[in-house]
Each structure stands twice: as structure tokens, then as C-alpha cells.
Amino acid sequence: MDVLVLIGRILFVLLFLGSAFNHLSQSKAMAGYVESKGLPSAGNLVLGSGLLMLLGAISVAFGIWADLGALLLVIFLVPTAFLMHAFWKETDPAARQNEMTQFLKDLSLAGAALALLGLFAKAGNDLGLTITGPLF
């Protein structure tokens, strides 16, 4: 089972690693998108969210305080869903559908990250194939 959990952790974080790379390497372009959503300090938000994703993903994948890493991903995902994918504000049906899909994806991933947080906390040091035990 330890190997299955390790494979699941790695597969789970692939999206976050790719997104973190984009946030950190294409921050100016991504800041323009954040500005289009009406959020202040777009450049700082892009860099901060990129770091949250990177740290959370590395933590979960390698099992370094993986519970904290899962929590960092939740902290990224929930505000992102509401601030960046506010489908209820869209008037174009196609844009509304796209934003709703992204909103639900973010909330679903937040749910999975919360489930991982619970798994890491409950399993403690017995999870196996981790570098450290849980922080919480």
C-alpha cells in the first residue's frame, strides 16, 4: 500500500508542479491575467501562488511534512477558485461554462488535498515512503 500512496502522491502533484513552473517562469504574462480579474498586486500574487504550489507539491511528493504541503495546496486552491474562476460573473455562456469547470476543478482538488491531509495526519509515521512524519 505504501507504494500505491507514493504513486498517488506523485500523480496528484504533477498539475501543481507544472503550474508552479509556469507561474514562476511566465509571471509577467500570468500577472496580466490576474489583473484582468481585477485583483491588486498581480505580480506578487502570481509569485506567491507559484511558491505555494511548488512548496506544497514538493512536500506532498517527497513526504516532507506532507500534511503541511497538502494544507498549502488547499490554501492556494480555495481562494483561486473564488477569485479567479467566478463563473457567476460571466455573461458569455461559453466563458461561464469554462470558468465553472475550472472552479469545480479547483474545489475538487482542494477536497482531495484535504483528504490527503487527513490521511497523513491519521497515518502519522506509519505511512511509509516519506522523508518525515506529519507536522500536525
N, C-alpha and C. Protein backbone atom coordinates (compact mmCIF):
# COMPACT_ATOMS: atom_id res chain seq x y z
N MET A 1 0.81 -1.20 0.00
CA MET A 1 0.00 0.00 0.00
C MET A 1 0.84 1.26 0.00
N ASP A 2 1.99 1.21 0.65
CA ASP A 2 2.85 2.39 0.69
C ASP A 2 3.23 2.85 -0.71
N VAL A 3 3.49 1.90 -1.61
CA VAL A 3 3.87 2.25 -2.98
C VAL A 3 2.69 2.89 -3.70
N LEU A 4 1.48 2.38 -3.48
CA LEU A 4 0.30 2.98 -4.11
C LEU A 4 0.10 4.42 -3.64
N VAL A 5 0.27 4.66 -2.35
CA VAL A 5 0.13 6.02 -1.83
C VAL A 5 1.20 6.92 -2.42
N LEU A 6 2.42 6.42 -2.54
CA LEU A 6 3.51 7.20 -3.15
C LEU A 6 3.18 7.54 -4.60
N ILE A 7 2.72 6.57 -5.37
CA ILE A 7 2.36 6.82 -6.77
C ILE A 7 1.22 7.84 -6.83
N GLY A 8 0.22 7.69 -5.98
CA GLY A 8 -0.89 8.64 -5.93
C GLY A 8 -0.43 10.05 -5.59
N ARG A 9 0.50 10.15 -4.63
CA ARG A 9 1.02 11.48 -4.26
C ARG A 9 1.74 12.12 -5.44
N ILE A 10 2.53 11.35 -6.14
CA ILE A 10 3.29 11.88 -7.28
C ILE A 10 2.34 12.31 -8.40
N LEU A 11 1.38 11.46 -8.71
CA LEU A 11 0.41 11.82 -9.77
C LEU A 11 -0.40 13.05 -9.38
N PHE A 12 -0.77 13.15 -8.11
CA PHE A 12 -1.56 14.29 -7.63
C PHE A 12 -0.82 15.60 -7.81
N VAL A 13 0.48 15.62 -7.58
CA VAL A 13 1.19 16.90 -7.60
C VAL A 13 1.69 17.32 -8.98
N LEU A 14 1.58 16.46 -9.98
CA LEU A 14 2.08 16.82 -11.32
C LEU A 14 1.46 18.12 -11.84
N LEU A 15 0.17 18.28 -11.65
CA LEU A 15 -0.51 19.51 -12.09
C LEU A 15 0.07 20.73 -11.39
N PHE A 16 0.32 20.62 -10.10
CA PHE A 16 0.82 21.75 -9.32
C PHE A 16 2.27 22.09 -9.69
N LEU A 17 3.06 21.08 -9.96
CA LEU A 17 4.45 21.34 -10.37
C LEU A 17 4.49 22.08 -11.70
N GLY A 18 3.69 21.64 -12.66
CA GLY A 18 3.63 22.32 -13.95
C GLY A 18 3.12 23.73 -13.83
N SER A 19 2.07 23.92 -13.04
CA SER A 19 1.51 25.26 -12.85
C SER A 19 2.49 26.16 -12.10
N ALA A 20 3.17 25.62 -11.10
CA ALA A 20 4.16 26.42 -10.36
C ALA A 20 5.27 26.88 -11.29
N PHE A 21 5.73 25.98 -12.15
CA PHE A 21 6.78 26.35 -13.11
C PHE A 21 6.29 27.50 -14.00
N ASN A 22 5.06 27.41 -14.48
CA ASN A 22 4.51 28.48 -15.32
C ASN A 22 4.36 29.78 -14.56
N HIS A 23 3.90 29.71 -13.32
CA HIS A 23 3.75 30.92 -12.51
C HIS A 23 5.10 31.61 -12.30
N LEU A 24 6.14 30.83 -12.07
CA LEU A 24 7.44 31.40 -11.76
C LEU A 24 8.24 31.79 -13.00
N SER A 25 8.02 31.11 -14.10
CA SER A 25 8.80 31.41 -15.31
C SER A 25 8.08 32.38 -16.27
N GLN A 26 6.77 32.49 -16.15
CA GLN A 26 5.99 33.37 -17.02
C GLN A 26 5.14 34.33 -16.18
N SER A 27 5.76 34.85 -15.13
CA SER A 27 5.00 35.62 -14.14
C SER A 27 4.40 36.90 -14.72
N LYS A 28 5.08 37.54 -15.66
CA LYS A 28 4.54 38.78 -16.23
C LYS A 28 3.27 38.51 -17.03
N ALA A 29 3.29 37.50 -17.85
CA ALA A 29 2.11 37.16 -18.64
C ALA A 29 0.96 36.74 -17.73
N MET A 30 1.28 35.95 -16.72
CA MET A 30 0.23 35.49 -15.81
C MET A 30 -0.31 36.64 -14.96
N ALA A 31 0.55 37.61 -14.65
CA ALA A 31 0.09 38.78 -13.88
C ALA A 31 -0.94 39.57 -14.68
N GLY A 32 -0.80 39.60 -15.99
CA GLY A 32 -1.79 40.27 -16.83
C GLY A 32 -3.15 39.62 -16.71
N TYR A 33 -3.18 38.31 -16.63
CA TYR A 33 -4.45 37.60 -16.46
C TYR A 33 -5.05 37.90 -15.09
N VAL A 34 -4.21 37.93 -14.06
CA VAL A 34 -4.69 38.24 -12.71
C VAL A 34 -5.26 39.66 -12.67
N GLU A 35 -4.57 40.59 -13.33
CA GLU A 35 -5.07 41.97 -13.39
C GLU A 35 -6.42 42.04 -14.09
N SER A 36 -6.60 41.20 -15.12
CA SER A 36 -7.89 41.21 -15.84
C SER A 36 -9.04 40.76 -14.94
N LYS A 37 -8.72 40.06 -13.86
CA LYS A 37 -9.74 39.63 -12.90
C LYS A 37 -9.98 40.69 -11.83
N GLY A 38 -9.25 41.81 -11.92
CA GLY A 38 -9.46 42.92 -11.00
C GLY A 38 -8.76 42.79 -9.66
N LEU A 39 -7.76 41.93 -9.57
CA LEU A 39 -7.05 41.73 -8.31
C LEU A 39 -5.83 42.64 -8.23
N PRO A 40 -5.55 43.18 -7.06
CA PRO A 40 -4.38 44.06 -6.89
C PRO A 40 -3.09 43.25 -6.75
N SER A 41 -1.97 43.91 -6.91
CA SER A 41 -0.65 43.29 -6.71
C SER A 41 -0.52 41.98 -7.49
N ALA A 42 -0.88 42.03 -8.74
CA ALA A 42 -0.93 40.82 -9.56
C ALA A 42 0.41 40.08 -9.60
N GLY A 43 1.49 40.83 -9.76
CA GLY A 43 2.80 40.18 -9.82
C GLY A 43 3.13 39.43 -8.55
N ASN A 44 2.84 40.03 -7.42
CA ASN A 44 3.09 39.37 -6.14
C ASN A 44 2.18 38.16 -5.95
N LEU A 45 0.93 38.27 -6.38
CA LEU A 45 0.02 37.14 -6.27
C LEU A 45 0.48 35.95 -7.11
N VAL A 46 0.97 36.24 -8.31
CA VAL A 46 1.44 35.17 -9.19
C VAL A 46 2.66 34.48 -8.57
N LEU A 47 3.61 35.26 -8.10
CA LEU A 47 4.81 34.66 -7.50
C LEU A 47 4.47 33.92 -6.21
N GLY A 48 3.61 34.51 -5.39
CA GLY A 48 3.22 33.86 -4.15
C GLY A 48 2.48 32.55 -4.39
N SER A 49 1.57 32.56 -5.34
CA SER A 49 0.83 31.33 -5.62
C SER A 49 1.73 30.28 -6.25
N GLY A 50 2.69 30.72 -7.06
CA GLY A 50 3.65 29.78 -7.63
C GLY A 50 4.48 29.11 -6.54
N LEU A 51 4.91 29.89 -5.57
CA LEU A 51 5.68 29.33 -4.45
C LEU A 51 4.83 28.40 -3.59
N LEU A 52 3.59 28.78 -3.33
CA LEU A 52 2.69 27.90 -2.57
C LEU A 52 2.55 26.54 -3.25
N MET A 53 2.30 26.58 -4.55
CA MET A 53 2.14 25.33 -5.29
C MET A 53 3.43 24.51 -5.29
N LEU A 54 4.55 25.17 -5.52
CA LEU A 54 5.83 24.46 -5.58
C LEU A 54 6.16 23.81 -4.24
N LEU A 55 6.07 24.58 -3.17
CA LEU A 55 6.39 24.04 -1.84
C LEU A 55 5.41 22.94 -1.45
N GLY A 56 4.13 23.17 -1.70
CA GLY A 56 3.13 22.15 -1.38
C GLY A 56 3.34 20.87 -2.17
N ALA A 57 3.60 21.00 -3.45
CA ALA A 57 3.78 19.82 -4.30
C ALA A 57 5.03 19.03 -3.91
N ILE A 58 6.13 19.72 -3.68
CA ILE A 58 7.36 19.02 -3.27
C ILE A 58 7.15 18.32 -1.94
N SER A 59 6.49 19.00 -1.01
CA SER A 59 6.23 18.43 0.30
C SER A 59 5.40 17.15 0.21
N VAL A 60 4.33 17.19 -0.57
CA VAL A 60 3.47 16.02 -0.72
C VAL A 60 4.20 14.90 -1.46
N ALA A 61 4.86 15.22 -2.54
CA ALA A 61 5.52 14.19 -3.35
C ALA A 61 6.62 13.46 -2.57
N PHE A 62 7.45 14.22 -1.88
CA PHE A 62 8.59 13.61 -1.18
C PHE A 62 8.24 13.18 0.24
N GLY A 63 7.09 13.59 0.74
CA GLY A 63 6.73 13.21 2.09
C GLY A 63 7.53 13.96 3.13
N ILE A 64 7.74 15.23 2.89
CA ILE A 64 8.42 16.11 3.86
C ILE A 64 7.31 16.97 4.47
N TRP A 65 6.88 16.59 5.69
CA TRP A 65 5.72 17.24 6.29
C TRP A 65 4.60 17.32 5.26
N ALA A 66 4.24 16.19 4.72
CA ALA A 66 3.27 16.12 3.64
C ALA A 66 1.92 16.69 4.04
N ASP A 67 1.58 16.63 5.33
CA ASP A 67 0.34 17.24 5.77
C ASP A 67 0.36 18.75 5.59
N LEU A 68 1.49 19.37 5.89
CA LEU A 68 1.64 20.81 5.67
C LEU A 68 1.57 21.12 4.18
N GLY A 69 2.20 20.30 3.35
CA GLY A 69 2.15 20.50 1.91
C GLY A 69 0.74 20.44 1.38
N ALA A 70 -0.04 19.47 1.86
CA ALA A 70 -1.44 19.37 1.44
C ALA A 70 -2.22 20.61 1.86
N LEU A 71 -1.94 21.11 3.06
CA LEU A 71 -2.60 22.32 3.54
C LEU A 71 -2.23 23.53 2.68
N LEU A 72 -0.96 23.63 2.28
CA LEU A 72 -0.55 24.73 1.40
C LEU A 72 -1.31 24.69 0.08
N LEU A 73 -1.54 23.51 -0.44
CA LEU A 73 -2.29 23.39 -1.69
C LEU A 73 -3.74 23.81 -1.50
N VAL A 74 -4.34 23.47 -0.36
CA VAL A 74 -5.70 23.93 -0.08
C VAL A 74 -5.74 25.45 0.01
N ILE A 75 -4.73 26.02 0.68
CA ILE A 75 -4.65 27.49 0.82
C ILE A 75 -4.53 28.16 -0.54
N PHE A 76 -3.90 27.50 -1.49
CA PHE A 76 -3.83 28.02 -2.85
C PHE A 76 -5.16 27.83 -3.59
N LEU A 77 -5.72 26.64 -3.50
CA LEU A 77 -6.85 26.27 -4.34
C LEU A 77 -8.16 26.98 -4.03
N VAL A 78 -8.51 27.10 -2.77
CA VAL A 78 -9.82 27.65 -2.43
C VAL A 78 -9.94 29.12 -2.84
N PRO A 79 -8.99 29.99 -2.47
CA PRO A 79 -9.11 31.38 -2.94
C PRO A 79 -9.04 31.48 -4.47
N THR A 80 -8.22 30.65 -5.08
CA THR A 80 -8.11 30.68 -6.54
C THR A 80 -9.45 30.36 -7.19
N ALA A 81 -10.15 29.38 -6.66
CA ALA A 81 -11.46 29.03 -7.22
C ALA A 81 -12.39 30.23 -7.21
N PHE A 82 -12.47 30.91 -6.07
CA PHE A 82 -13.43 32.00 -5.93
C PHE A 82 -12.98 33.30 -6.60
N LEU A 83 -11.69 33.58 -6.57
CA LEU A 83 -11.20 34.85 -7.11
C LEU A 83 -10.91 34.80 -8.61
N MET A 84 -10.42 33.68 -9.08
CA MET A 84 -10.01 33.60 -10.49
C MET A 84 -11.05 32.94 -11.39
N HIS A 85 -11.96 32.20 -10.81
CA HIS A 85 -12.91 31.45 -11.64
C HIS A 85 -14.35 31.71 -11.21
N ALA A 86 -14.67 32.98 -11.02
CA ALA A 86 -16.02 33.39 -10.58
C ALA A 86 -16.99 33.29 -11.75
N PHE A 87 -17.41 32.07 -12.04
CA PHE A 87 -18.27 31.81 -13.21
C PHE A 87 -19.57 32.59 -13.14
N TRP A 88 -20.05 32.89 -11.95
CA TRP A 88 -21.31 33.61 -11.78
C TRP A 88 -21.25 35.03 -12.29
N LYS A 89 -20.04 35.55 -12.55
CA LYS A 89 -19.89 36.91 -13.07
C LYS A 89 -19.87 36.94 -14.60
N GLU A 90 -19.73 35.79 -15.22
CA GLU A 90 -19.60 35.72 -16.68
C GLU A 90 -20.98 35.81 -17.34
N THR A 91 -21.04 36.56 -18.43
CA THR A 91 -22.29 36.67 -19.19
C THR A 91 -22.28 35.79 -20.43
N ASP A 92 -21.10 35.56 -21.00
CA ASP A 92 -20.98 34.69 -22.16
C ASP A 92 -21.13 33.23 -21.71
N PRO A 93 -22.04 32.47 -22.33
CA PRO A 93 -22.27 31.09 -21.89
C PRO A 93 -21.03 30.20 -21.96
N ALA A 94 -20.23 30.35 -23.01
CA ALA A 94 -19.02 29.53 -23.13
C ALA A 94 -18.00 29.89 -22.05
N ALA A 95 -17.82 31.18 -21.80
CA ALA A 95 -16.90 31.61 -20.76
C ALA A 95 -17.41 31.16 -19.39
N ARG A 96 -18.71 31.26 -19.18
CA ARG A 96 -19.30 30.82 -17.90
C ARG A 96 -19.04 29.33 -17.68
N GLN A 97 -19.25 28.52 -18.73
CA GLN A 97 -19.03 27.08 -18.61
C GLN A 97 -17.56 26.77 -18.32
N ASN A 98 -16.66 27.45 -19.02
CA ASN A 98 -15.23 27.24 -18.80
C ASN A 98 -14.83 27.60 -17.37
N GLU A 99 -15.29 28.74 -16.89
CA GLU A 99 -14.96 29.17 -15.53
C GLU A 99 -15.58 28.24 -14.49
N MET A 100 -16.78 27.75 -14.76
CA MET A 100 -17.41 26.82 -13.83
C MET A 100 -16.60 25.52 -13.74
N THR A 101 -16.13 25.05 -14.88
CA THR A 101 -15.31 23.84 -14.89
C THR A 101 -14.03 24.05 -14.08
N GLN A 102 -13.38 25.19 -14.29
CA GLN A 102 -12.15 25.49 -13.54
C GLN A 102 -12.43 25.66 -12.05
N PHE A 103 -13.54 26.31 -11.72
CA PHE A 103 -13.95 26.50 -10.33
C PHE A 103 -14.14 25.14 -9.65
N LEU A 104 -14.90 24.26 -10.29
CA LEU A 104 -15.17 22.95 -9.71
C LEU A 104 -13.91 22.09 -9.65
N LYS A 105 -13.03 22.23 -10.64
CA LYS A 105 -11.76 21.51 -10.60
C LYS A 105 -10.95 21.93 -9.39
N ASP A 106 -10.86 23.23 -9.16
CA ASP A 106 -10.09 23.72 -8.02
C ASP A 106 -10.69 23.24 -6.70
N LEU A 107 -12.01 23.28 -6.58
CA LEU A 107 -12.63 22.82 -5.34
C LEU A 107 -12.47 21.31 -5.17
N SER A 108 -12.55 20.56 -6.27
CA SER A 108 -12.34 19.11 -6.19
C SER A 108 -10.92 18.79 -5.76
N LEU A 109 -9.96 19.49 -6.32
CA LEU A 109 -8.56 19.28 -5.92
C LEU A 109 -8.34 19.68 -4.47
N ALA A 110 -9.03 20.74 -4.03
CA ALA A 110 -8.93 21.14 -2.62
C ALA A 110 -9.48 20.02 -1.73
N GLY A 111 -10.56 19.40 -2.15
CA GLY A 111 -11.11 18.27 -1.39
C GLY A 111 -10.14 17.11 -1.33
N ALA A 112 -9.49 16.82 -2.44
CA ALA A 112 -8.50 15.74 -2.45
C ALA A 112 -7.32 16.09 -1.55
N ALA A 113 -6.89 17.35 -1.58
CA ALA A 113 -5.78 17.77 -0.72
C ALA A 113 -6.18 17.67 0.76
N LEU A 114 -7.42 18.02 1.09
CA LEU A 114 -7.89 17.87 2.47
C LEU A 114 -7.93 16.40 2.88
N ALA A 115 -8.35 15.53 1.96
CA ALA A 115 -8.35 14.10 2.25
C ALA A 115 -6.93 13.60 2.49
N LEU A 116 -5.98 14.08 1.69
CA LEU A 116 -4.58 13.71 1.92
C LEU A 116 -4.09 14.22 3.26
N LEU A 117 -4.45 15.44 3.60
CA LEU A 117 -4.08 16.00 4.90
C LEU A 117 -4.58 15.08 6.02
N GLY A 118 -5.82 14.64 5.93
CA GLY A 118 -6.37 13.72 6.93
C GLY A 118 -5.65 12.39 6.94
N LEU A 119 -5.33 11.87 5.75
CA LEU A 119 -4.60 10.60 5.65
C LEU A 119 -3.23 10.72 6.30
N PHE A 120 -2.52 11.79 5.98
CA PHE A 120 -1.18 11.97 6.54
C PHE A 120 -1.23 12.12 8.06
N ALA A 121 -2.20 12.88 8.55
CA ALA A 121 -2.32 13.08 9.99
C ALA A 121 -2.71 11.79 10.71
N LYS A 122 -3.62 11.03 10.12
CA LYS A 122 -4.08 9.78 10.75
C LYS A 122 -3.00 8.70 10.69
N ALA A 123 -2.33 8.56 9.57
CA ALA A 123 -1.31 7.52 9.42
C ALA A 123 -0.06 7.84 10.23
N GLY A 124 0.20 9.14 10.39
CA GLY A 124 1.39 9.52 11.15
C GLY A 124 2.65 8.98 10.53
N ASN A 125 3.52 8.47 11.36
CA ASN A 125 4.80 7.92 10.88
C ASN A 125 4.65 6.55 10.25
N ASP A 126 3.44 5.98 10.29
CA ASP A 126 3.21 4.65 9.73
C ASP A 126 2.93 4.67 8.24
N LEU A 127 2.83 5.85 7.65
CA LEU A 127 2.50 5.91 6.22
C LEU A 127 3.55 5.23 5.38
N GLY A 128 4.79 5.43 5.67
CA GLY A 128 5.86 4.81 4.90
C GLY A 128 6.18 5.59 3.65
N LEU A 129 7.38 5.39 3.16
CA LEU A 129 7.88 6.03 1.95
C LEU A 129 7.77 7.55 2.01
N THR A 130 8.03 8.10 3.17
CA THR A 130 8.09 9.55 3.36
C THR A 130 9.42 9.89 4.02
N ILE A 131 9.86 11.11 3.86
CA ILE A 131 11.12 11.55 4.48
C ILE A 131 10.90 11.91 5.93
N THR A 132 9.78 12.57 6.22
CA THR A 132 9.44 12.91 7.60
C THR A 132 8.02 12.46 7.89
N GLY A 133 7.67 12.46 9.14
CA GLY A 133 6.28 12.24 9.52
C GLY A 133 5.51 13.54 9.37
N PRO A 134 4.24 13.52 9.72
CA PRO A 134 3.42 14.71 9.60
C PRO A 134 3.86 15.79 10.61
N LEU A 135 3.59 17.03 10.27
CA LEU A 135 3.87 18.13 11.18
C LEU A 135 2.75 18.28 12.20
N PHE A 136 1.52 18.05 11.78
CA PHE A 136 0.37 18.26 12.67
C PHE A 136 -0.06 16.94 13.30
